[in-house]
Protein backbone atom coordinates (compact mmCIF):
# COMPACT_ATOMS: atom_id res chain seq x y z
CA UNK A 1 9.70 4.36 10.73
CA UNK A 2 8.09 5.43 14.01
CA UNK A 3 5.72 8.35 14.22
CA UNK A 4 6.31 10.68 17.18
CA UNK A 5 3.89 13.28 18.52
CA UNK A 6 5.10 16.27 20.62
CA UNK A 7 2.49 18.47 22.24
CA UNK A 8 3.50 21.93 23.44
CA UNK A 9 2.01 23.44 26.49
CA UNK A 10 -0.57 20.69 26.90
CA UNK A 11 -2.33 21.93 23.73
CA UNK A 12 -3.94 19.03 21.77
CA UNK A 13 -4.27 21.34 18.76
CA UNK A 14 -0.51 21.50 18.55
CA UNK A 15 -0.46 17.71 17.85
CA UNK A 16 -0.57 18.21 14.12
CA UNK A 17 2.31 20.62 14.01
CA UNK A 18 4.73 18.29 15.80
CA UNK A 19 4.34 14.96 14.12
CA UNK A 20 7.31 13.43 12.40
CA UNK A 21 8.93 10.10 11.68
CA UNK A 22 12.10 8.69 13.22
CA UNK A 23 14.04 5.46 13.05
CA UNK A 24 14.19 2.84 15.84
CA UNK A 25 17.34 2.68 17.95
CA UNK A 26 17.64 6.43 18.50
CA UNK A 27 16.68 8.15 21.73
CA UNK A 28 13.53 10.29 21.86
CA UNK A 29 15.86 13.23 22.58
CA UNK A 30 17.91 12.62 19.42
CA UNK A 31 14.80 12.25 17.30
CA UNK A 32 13.41 15.54 18.70
CA UNK A 33 16.58 17.42 18.00
CA UNK A 34 16.88 16.10 14.57
CA UNK A 35 13.25 17.00 13.92
CA UNK A 36 13.68 20.54 15.20
CA UNK A 37 11.31 20.15 18.05
CA UNK A 38 11.40 23.24 20.21
CA UNK A 39 11.08 22.66 23.95
CA UNK A 40 13.74 19.99 24.41
CA UNK A 41 17.04 21.79 25.26
CA UNK A 42 19.15 18.73 25.93
CA UNK A 43 22.02 20.76 27.33
CA UNK A 44 24.10 17.66 28.26
CA UNK A 45 23.58 15.97 24.91
CA UNK A 46 22.08 12.88 26.43
CA UNK A 47 24.72 12.15 29.11
CA UNK A 48 22.16 12.08 31.87
CA UNK A 49 23.71 15.05 33.71
CA UNK A 50 20.90 17.57 33.31
CA UNK A 51 17.05 17.48 33.21
CA UNK A 52 16.56 19.76 30.13
CA UNK A 53 15.06 17.06 27.97
CA UNK A 54 12.13 16.45 30.37
CA UNK A 55 8.92 15.19 28.77
CA UNK A 56 5.67 13.73 30.09
CA UNK A 57 4.83 10.51 28.29
CA UNK A 58 1.13 9.84 27.68
CA UNK A 59 -0.57 6.53 28.04
CA UNK A 60 -0.60 3.91 26.70
CA UNK A 61 3.11 4.48 25.95
CA UNK A 62 4.22 5.46 29.50
CA UNK A 63 3.28 1.95 30.76
CA UNK A 64 5.12 0.27 27.87
CA UNK A 65 8.46 1.91 28.68
CA UNK A 66 11.01 0.23 30.93
CA UNK A 67 10.98 1.90 34.34
CA UNK A 68 13.40 4.77 34.87
CA UNK A 69 16.74 3.84 36.46
CA UNK A 70 18.09 5.35 39.68
CA UNK A 71 20.12 8.01 37.78
CA UNK A 72 17.17 9.13 35.76
CA UNK A 73 14.98 9.29 38.89
CA UNK A 74 17.62 11.45 40.59
CA UNK A 75 17.80 13.80 37.59
CA UNK A 76 13.99 14.14 37.44
CA UNK A 77 14.24 15.83 40.83
CA UNK A 78 15.84 18.78 39.02
CA UNK A 79 13.24 19.49 36.34
CA UNK A 80 12.18 23.12 35.93
CA UNK A 81 8.52 22.11 35.88
CA UNK A 82 7.35 19.84 38.69
CA UNK A 83 7.54 16.20 37.94
CA UNK A 84 4.25 14.45 36.98
CA UNK A 85 3.14 10.94 36.47
CA UNK A 86 4.76 9.98 33.15
CA UNK A 87 7.67 12.38 33.52
CA UNK A 88 10.79 11.03 31.87
CA UNK A 89 14.02 12.32 30.39
CA UNK A 90 13.77 11.88 26.66
CA UNK A 91 17.43 10.94 26.41
CA UNK A 92 16.65 7.70 28.32
CA UNK A 93 13.79 6.59 26.07
CA UNK A 94 15.05 4.32 23.29
CA UNK A 95 12.72 4.17 20.32
CA UNK A 96 11.38 0.84 19.10
CA UNK A 97 8.77 -0.11 16.61
CA UNK A 98 6.42 -0.78 19.52
CA UNK A 99 6.45 2.98 20.28
CA UNK A 100 4.92 3.97 17.03
CA UNK A 101 2.55 6.81 17.78
CA UNK A 102 4.38 7.80 20.96
CA UNK A 103 2.87 11.00 22.35
CA UNK A 104 4.57 13.27 24.85
CA UNK A 105 3.77 16.62 26.39
CA UNK A 106 6.53 19.19 26.45
CA UNK A 107 6.83 21.23 29.69
CA UNK A 108 6.31 24.93 29.56
CA UNK A 109 10.04 25.47 30.14
CA UNK A 110 13.23 23.40 30.67
CA UNK A 111 14.88 26.13 32.75
C-alpha cells in the first residue's frame, strides 16, 4: 500500500486529516476520489479533457515523476488557480510503490 498526503489550502496542519492508503497502479485522481478527498473535482473522469484535478506535487516526489506530456501541459494552461512549479493533473500521475508518502497541495478551487 502507498500512503498519500493531500494538503488543503497550503495548510500543513491539514496533513493529518488527509492521509490514506492506496494501491499501486491507480491514478492519483482515482485514489483521491475513492478516498473522498475534497478539492479534486475530476469532471472528465480522467480523460485529460479538463483541468479540474489540478494538484501541486511537493518535492522530492515532483522530481521523481515522469515529465508531463504535451496534452497535460496544454490542459495545465486552463487551471483555475495559476500554474506553479510542481503543478500536475492528478489523473496523469500513476501510483507506484516509489511514490509512498506522496504529498500534494490542493488548489483553493478547481473552477
